[in-house]
Amino acid sequence: MSDLVILTEAAALQIKEMIKQNGEEGAYFRFSINGGGCSGLSYGMSLDHERSEKDTFIEQHGIGIVIDEDTAPIVSGTVIDFKQSLMGGGFTIDNPNALVSCGCGTSFRTATVAGKPEDC
C-alpha cells in the first residue's frame, strides 16, 4: 500500500518546512479529493492531527500521509512533487487515473468518477 501515493523527496521537504513554519509538529499530511473545480473533482492537501479507522496511513520520507477510503482508489499511483521555478514554487500532482484535467492543474475527472463541475 506504500505506493498508493508517491511523495517525492522535494515534496516531503516542503511539507516538513510547512509543518515547522506553522508549528504543526506531529501533524499528518492529508491528501484528499473534493467535488468541484472546472472538471468536476479537485485535490485537497492539508495538515491534520486526526486519523480515522477508515483512513489509509502510509509513511514516506518521514512524512505520515493520510488518505480517506473514498479518495484512495481515485488517487492510486499518484505522484506528488514540489517544483521550484523563477516564478515561485508549487506542488504538482501526476494522477494516472485522471482522464481530463483543467488548465488550472488542480481539477480533473476519472473514467469512473466525474464529480460536479463548477465555473472556474
Protein backbone atom coordinates (compact mmCIF):
# COMPACT_ATOMS: atom_id res chain seq x y z
CA MET A 1 0.00 0.00 0.00
CA SER A 2 3.05 2.28 0.27
CA ASP A 3 2.80 3.12 -3.44
CA LEU A 4 -0.82 4.27 -3.16
CA VAL A 5 0.60 7.80 -3.34
CA ILE A 6 4.24 8.54 -4.04
CA LEU A 7 5.65 11.60 -2.30
CA THR A 8 8.91 12.82 -3.84
CA GLU A 9 11.77 13.92 -1.62
CA ALA A 10 11.26 17.54 -2.78
CA ALA A 11 7.58 17.43 -1.78
CA ALA A 12 8.43 15.85 1.58
CA LEU A 13 10.99 18.58 2.31
CA GLN A 14 8.41 21.26 1.52
CA ILE A 15 5.78 19.60 3.74
CA LYS A 16 8.30 19.32 6.58
CA GLU A 17 9.06 23.04 6.20
CA MET A 18 5.33 23.88 6.24
CA ILE A 19 4.84 21.79 9.39
CA LYS A 20 7.73 23.62 11.06
CA GLN A 21 6.67 27.11 9.95
CA ASN A 22 3.08 26.56 11.11
CA GLY A 23 4.01 24.98 14.44
CA GLU A 24 2.20 21.78 13.48
CA GLU A 25 4.68 19.23 14.82
CA GLY A 26 3.18 15.75 14.84
CA ALA A 27 0.73 16.60 12.03
CA TYR A 28 -0.05 14.25 9.17
CA PHE A 29 -0.23 15.27 5.51
CA ARG A 30 -3.83 14.65 4.41
CA PHE A 31 -4.35 14.16 0.67
CA SER A 32 -7.99 14.20 -0.43
CA ILE A 33 -10.40 14.64 -3.31
CA ASN A 34 -13.22 17.18 -3.21
CA GLY A 35 -16.15 17.70 -5.55
CA GLY A 36 -15.97 20.80 -7.73
CA GLY A 37 -13.46 22.53 -9.92
CA CYS A 38 -13.71 23.01 -13.68
CA SER A 39 -13.53 19.29 -14.44
CA GLY A 40 -15.60 18.01 -11.53
CA LEU A 41 -13.03 16.96 -8.90
CA SER A 42 -10.23 18.83 -7.17
CA TYR A 43 -7.33 17.85 -4.95
CA GLY A 44 -7.09 18.82 -1.32
CA MET A 45 -3.90 18.94 0.77
CA SER A 46 -3.82 19.86 4.42
CA LEU A 47 -2.10 19.19 7.72
CA ASP A 48 -4.17 17.12 10.12
CA HIS A 49 -3.63 15.79 13.63
CA GLU A 50 -6.50 13.28 13.39
CA ARG A 51 -6.80 9.88 11.69
CA SER A 52 -9.88 7.71 11.50
CA GLU A 53 -10.08 3.95 11.21
CA LYS A 54 -11.30 4.43 7.62
CA ASP A 55 -8.12 6.31 6.65
CA THR A 56 -5.19 4.66 4.92
CA PHE A 57 -1.92 5.65 6.55
CA ILE A 58 1.47 5.43 4.86
CA GLU A 59 4.81 7.00 5.69
CA GLN A 60 7.35 8.27 3.17
CA HIS A 61 10.48 10.39 3.76
CA GLY A 62 9.44 10.82 7.40
CA ILE A 63 6.01 12.23 6.49
CA GLY A 64 2.83 10.49 7.66
CA ILE A 65 0.34 10.54 4.78
CA VAL A 66 -3.38 10.08 5.45
CA ILE A 67 -5.88 9.26 2.68
CA ASP A 68 -9.57 8.57 3.28
CA GLU A 69 -11.21 5.44 1.88
CA ASP A 70 -13.20 7.31 -0.81
CA THR A 71 -10.10 9.10 -2.11
CA ALA A 72 -7.76 6.08 -2.17
CA PRO A 73 -8.99 4.38 -5.38
CA ILE A 74 -9.12 7.69 -7.25
CA VAL A 75 -5.51 8.62 -6.44
CA SER A 76 -3.86 5.19 -6.61
CA GLY A 77 -0.41 5.61 -8.20
CA THR A 78 -0.39 9.40 -7.92
CA VAL A 79 2.97 11.18 -7.62
CA ILE A 80 3.09 14.38 -5.57
CA ASP A 81 6.13 16.55 -6.27
CA PHE A 82 7.25 20.08 -5.47
CA LYS A 83 8.77 22.16 -8.26
CA GLN A 84 10.68 25.40 -7.80
CA SER A 85 10.97 27.91 -10.66
CA LEU A 86 11.77 31.57 -11.23
CA MET A 87 8.06 32.33 -10.78
CA GLY A 88 7.92 30.59 -7.39
CA GLY A 89 7.18 27.05 -6.36
CA GLY A 90 4.26 24.74 -6.01
CA PHE A 91 3.09 21.19 -5.69
CA THR A 92 2.48 19.17 -8.84
CA ILE A 93 0.20 16.15 -8.96
CA ASP A 94 0.55 13.42 -11.56
CA ASN A 95 -2.51 11.17 -11.25
CA PRO A 96 -2.52 8.29 -13.76
CA ASN A 97 -6.28 7.90 -13.20
CA ALA A 98 -7.15 11.42 -14.39
CA LEU A 99 -8.59 11.37 -17.90
CA VAL A 100 -9.37 15.06 -18.19
CA SER A 101 -7.62 17.91 -16.37
CA CYS A 102 -8.41 21.59 -16.28
CA GLY A 103 -5.89 24.22 -17.26
CA CYS A 104 -5.55 25.20 -13.61
CA GLY A 105 -3.94 21.81 -12.92
CA THR A 106 -5.95 21.07 -9.79
CA SER A 107 -9.23 19.95 -11.31
CA PHE A 108 -9.80 16.60 -13.02
CA ARG A 109 -12.12 13.65 -13.57
CA THR A 110 -11.56 9.93 -13.95
CA ALA A 111 -13.26 7.22 -16.02
CA THR A 112 -15.43 6.24 -13.05
CA VAL A 113 -15.75 9.49 -11.06
CA ALA A 114 -16.77 12.69 -12.82
CA GLY A 115 -17.81 14.87 -9.89
CA LYS A 116 -19.87 18.01 -10.47
CA PRO A 117 -18.05 20.70 -12.49
CA GLU A 118 -18.15 24.31 -11.32
CA ASP A 119 -17.33 27.50 -13.15
CA CYS A 120 -13.68 28.48 -12.73
